[in-house]
């Protein structure tokens, strides 16, 4: 059954985002290939369809501008200008050879031996996070461990100074929030994402310059 243009599934409704899984279940059962005007694209909910789409060279991930126009349909698209400028060079919005070229650069750092060198550091971070809440006798698994753990490890991988971790995390969350279609004022989310993108760009350019001056 082909989906209609009616927005059958409220994919941008705050209530849906609170608990999306019942809706996902209905979509997978009734409309596994669904056109969402609210999201400006097609939503696939079956594994085989998703896999086929990923492998189809006729489909493209170069659609950040389309996504931004949909998100800002009632606002000024220029609010996302810096965000789009910076993301346009990123691997996740590249197809074909451009994607593979960038992926090859990054994959050199993520070999098995390279990741194994990070294992003691990850274990230390886990111990530190657990030790921090141990005296309280209770733990919020997401808030106290699963949330901060990847943020700290990623910051370390990128060479973020410990005193900058909180700021880096705040920028990263603001950056990701726009692309993730979060609940809130789209114009304000886009403005915050663009500001965060500029801050991140400047931070990493400064970090690269410092590494050139003092390698190792």
Protein backbone atom coordinates (compact mmCIF):
# COMPACT_ATOMS: atom_id res chain seq x y z
CA UNK A 1 0.00 0.00 0.00
CA UNK A 2 1.43 3.37 -1.00
CA UNK A 3 1.27 6.09 1.68
CA UNK A 4 -0.96 9.10 1.12
CA UNK A 5 0.04 12.72 1.45
CA UNK A 6 -1.97 12.94 4.68
CA UNK A 7 0.30 13.11 7.71
CA UNK A 8 -0.90 9.85 9.22
CA UNK A 9 1.93 9.57 11.72
CA UNK A 10 2.80 12.58 13.94
CA UNK A 11 6.58 12.22 13.62
CA UNK A 12 7.28 15.76 14.84
CA UNK A 13 4.73 15.84 17.64
CA UNK A 14 6.23 16.16 21.15
CA UNK A 15 4.01 13.34 22.41
CA UNK A 16 5.36 11.04 19.70
CA UNK A 17 8.95 11.86 20.60
CA UNK A 18 8.28 10.98 24.23
CA UNK A 19 7.47 7.38 23.24
CA UNK A 20 7.88 6.76 19.49
CA UNK A 21 7.98 2.97 19.52
CA UNK A 22 4.23 2.18 19.30
CA UNK A 23 4.04 4.46 16.26
CA UNK A 24 7.12 2.82 14.74
CA UNK A 25 5.47 -0.57 15.24
CA UNK A 26 2.30 0.55 13.42
CA UNK A 27 4.35 2.09 10.62
CA UNK A 28 6.38 -1.08 10.15
CA UNK A 29 3.20 -3.15 10.02
CA UNK A 30 0.99 -0.86 7.90
CA UNK A 31 3.17 1.67 6.05
CA UNK A 32 6.77 0.45 5.97
CA UNK A 33 7.53 3.00 3.23
CA UNK A 34 5.96 6.27 4.33
CA UNK A 35 6.20 9.75 2.84
CA UNK A 36 6.38 12.38 5.61
CA UNK A 37 5.77 15.95 4.52
CA UNK A 38 6.70 17.11 8.01
CA UNK A 39 10.18 15.58 7.64
CA UNK A 40 10.44 16.32 3.93
CA UNK A 41 11.31 12.77 2.96
CA UNK A 42 10.56 9.06 3.06
CA UNK A 43 10.62 7.03 6.27
CA UNK A 44 11.64 3.37 6.00
CA UNK A 45 10.98 1.14 8.99
CA UNK A 46 11.90 -2.35 7.76
CA UNK A 47 15.47 -3.61 7.91
CA UNK A 48 15.58 -5.00 4.38
CA UNK A 49 14.25 -1.74 2.92
CA UNK A 50 16.75 0.34 4.86
CA UNK A 51 19.61 -1.93 3.78
CA UNK A 52 18.50 -1.76 0.14
CA UNK A 53 18.32 2.04 0.33
CA UNK A 54 21.81 2.29 1.79
CA UNK A 55 23.15 0.13 -1.03
CA UNK A 56 21.31 1.94 -3.82
CA UNK A 57 23.71 4.30 -5.63
CA UNK A 58 20.75 6.24 -7.05
CA UNK A 59 19.90 7.51 -3.56
CA UNK A 60 21.88 10.34 -2.00
CA UNK A 61 22.65 11.62 1.48
CA UNK A 62 23.53 15.06 0.12
CA UNK A 63 20.33 16.65 1.33
CA UNK A 64 21.26 18.87 4.25
CA UNK A 65 19.91 21.95 2.46
CA UNK A 66 16.61 20.20 1.75
CA UNK A 67 16.36 19.18 5.39
CA UNK A 68 17.10 22.74 6.53
CA UNK A 69 14.43 24.19 4.24
CA UNK A 70 11.87 21.77 5.64
CA UNK A 71 12.83 22.53 9.23
CA UNK A 72 12.74 26.28 8.57
CA UNK A 73 9.73 26.38 6.26
CA UNK A 74 8.15 29.09 8.42
CA UNK A 75 11.41 30.91 9.22
CA UNK A 76 14.45 32.33 7.46
CA UNK A 77 16.62 29.54 5.96
CA UNK A 78 19.63 31.85 6.36
CA UNK A 79 19.54 31.00 10.07
CA UNK A 80 21.17 27.68 9.15
CA UNK A 81 23.75 29.18 6.76
CA UNK A 82 26.81 28.57 8.95
CA UNK A 83 25.54 25.15 9.92
CA UNK A 84 25.14 24.16 6.27
CA UNK A 85 28.48 25.65 5.26
CA UNK A 86 30.33 23.63 7.88
CA UNK A 87 28.39 20.36 7.53
CA UNK A 88 28.78 20.42 3.74
CA UNK A 89 32.34 19.15 4.15
CA UNK A 90 31.47 16.33 6.54
CA UNK A 91 31.48 12.64 5.74
CA UNK A 92 27.86 11.98 6.69
CA UNK A 93 26.59 14.25 3.90
CA UNK A 94 28.90 12.87 1.21
CA UNK A 95 28.21 10.21 -1.41
CA UNK A 96 30.43 7.79 -3.28
CA UNK A 97 34.12 8.57 -3.63
CA UNK A 98 33.91 11.72 -1.53
CA UNK A 99 32.48 9.67 1.34
CA UNK A 100 35.05 6.89 0.95
CA UNK A 101 37.95 9.36 0.81
CA UNK A 102 36.96 10.97 4.11
CA UNK A 103 36.14 7.63 5.70
CA UNK A 104 39.56 6.26 4.74
CA UNK A 105 41.25 9.18 6.50
CA UNK A 106 39.35 8.52 9.71
CA UNK A 107 39.52 4.74 9.62
CA UNK A 108 43.30 4.80 10.05
CA UNK A 109 42.77 5.88 13.64
CA UNK A 110 40.18 3.18 14.34
CA UNK A 111 42.07 -0.02 13.64
CA UNK A 112 41.73 -2.85 16.16
CA UNK A 113 45.18 -2.19 17.60
CA UNK A 114 44.46 1.53 17.80
CA UNK A 115 41.21 0.99 19.67
CA UNK A 116 42.84 -1.50 22.03
CA UNK A 117 45.26 1.22 23.10
CA UNK A 118 42.26 3.23 24.26
CA UNK A 119 40.76 0.42 26.33
CA UNK A 120 42.61 1.26 29.60
CA UNK A 121 41.54 4.91 29.28
CA UNK A 122 37.89 3.95 28.74
CA UNK A 123 38.03 1.62 31.73
CA UNK A 124 39.48 4.43 33.87
CA UNK A 125 36.67 6.78 32.84
CA UNK A 126 34.08 4.13 33.72
CA UNK A 127 35.72 3.64 37.13
CA UNK A 128 35.79 7.40 37.73
CA UNK A 129 32.12 7.81 36.85
CA UNK A 130 31.09 4.91 39.09
CA UNK A 131 33.31 6.11 41.94
CA UNK A 132 31.69 9.55 41.72
CA UNK A 133 28.23 8.17 42.56
CA UNK A 134 29.26 5.23 44.74
CA UNK A 135 28.94 7.18 48.02
CA UNK A 136 25.30 7.99 47.21
CA UNK A 137 24.34 4.31 47.00
CA UNK A 138 22.36 4.82 43.81
CA UNK A 139 22.95 5.47 40.12
CA UNK A 140 21.05 6.86 37.16
CA UNK A 141 22.51 4.55 34.51
CA UNK A 142 21.91 7.01 31.67
CA UNK A 143 22.63 10.27 33.45
CA UNK A 144 25.59 9.07 35.50
CA UNK A 145 27.27 6.60 33.13
CA UNK A 146 25.90 5.98 29.63
CA UNK A 147 25.47 9.69 28.90
CA UNK A 148 28.79 11.17 30.03
CA UNK A 149 30.97 8.16 29.08
CA UNK A 150 30.93 8.60 25.27
CA UNK A 151 31.13 12.37 25.61
CA UNK A 152 34.31 12.14 27.69
CA UNK A 153 35.90 9.45 25.50
CA UNK A 154 35.12 11.32 22.27
CA UNK A 155 36.51 14.53 23.74
CA UNK A 156 39.70 12.67 24.65
CA UNK A 157 39.93 11.16 21.16
CA UNK A 158 39.72 14.63 19.66
CA UNK A 159 42.27 16.03 22.07
CA UNK A 160 39.81 18.29 23.89
CA UNK A 161 41.31 19.72 27.07
CA UNK A 162 39.57 18.44 30.23
CA UNK A 163 38.55 21.97 31.19
CA UNK A 164 36.82 22.36 27.80
CA UNK A 165 34.82 19.12 27.91
CA UNK A 166 31.61 20.67 29.23
CA UNK A 167 31.69 23.45 26.65
CA UNK A 168 32.50 20.98 23.87
CA UNK A 169 29.58 18.79 24.93
CA UNK A 170 27.22 21.77 24.98
CA UNK A 171 28.28 22.84 21.49
CA UNK A 172 27.98 19.26 20.21
CA UNK A 173 24.47 18.85 21.58
CA UNK A 174 23.33 22.15 20.07
CA UNK A 175 24.90 21.16 16.75
CA UNK A 176 23.21 17.74 16.72
CA UNK A 177 19.84 19.02 17.89
CA UNK A 178 19.01 20.75 14.60
CA UNK A 179 19.78 17.73 12.44
CA UNK A 180 17.94 15.47 14.87
CA UNK A 181 14.63 17.30 14.42
CA UNK A 182 14.20 18.05 18.12
CA UNK A 183 11.10 19.56 19.68
CA UNK A 184 11.17 23.34 20.04
CA UNK A 185 11.29 26.52 18.00
CA UNK A 186 13.02 25.54 14.72
CA UNK A 187 14.40 29.04 14.24
CA UNK A 188 16.01 29.08 17.68
CA UNK A 189 17.33 25.53 17.25
CA UNK A 190 18.86 26.49 13.87
CA UNK A 191 20.39 29.65 15.30
CA UNK A 192 21.94 27.74 18.20
CA UNK A 193 23.19 24.99 15.84
CA UNK A 194 24.87 27.52 13.55
CA UNK A 195 26.51 29.29 16.48
CA UNK A 196 27.72 25.95 17.86
CA UNK A 197 29.06 24.94 14.44
CA UNK A 198 31.10 28.15 14.23
CA UNK A 199 32.45 27.63 17.76
CA UNK A 200 33.42 24.02 16.98
CA UNK A 201 35.05 25.02 13.71
CA UNK A 202 37.12 27.71 15.42
CA UNK A 203 38.07 25.41 18.30
CA UNK A 204 39.33 22.64 15.99
CA UNK A 205 41.15 25.05 13.68
CA UNK A 206 42.97 26.45 16.72
CA UNK A 207 43.67 22.91 17.95
CA UNK A 208 45.09 21.89 14.57
CA UNK A 209 47.31 24.96 14.49
CA UNK A 210 48.59 24.13 17.97
CA UNK A 211 49.32 20.53 16.90
CA UNK A 212 51.26 21.80 13.89
CA UNK A 213 53.39 23.96 16.14
CA UNK A 214 53.78 21.26 18.79
CA UNK A 215 53.24 17.82 17.22
CA UNK A 216 53.14 14.68 19.31
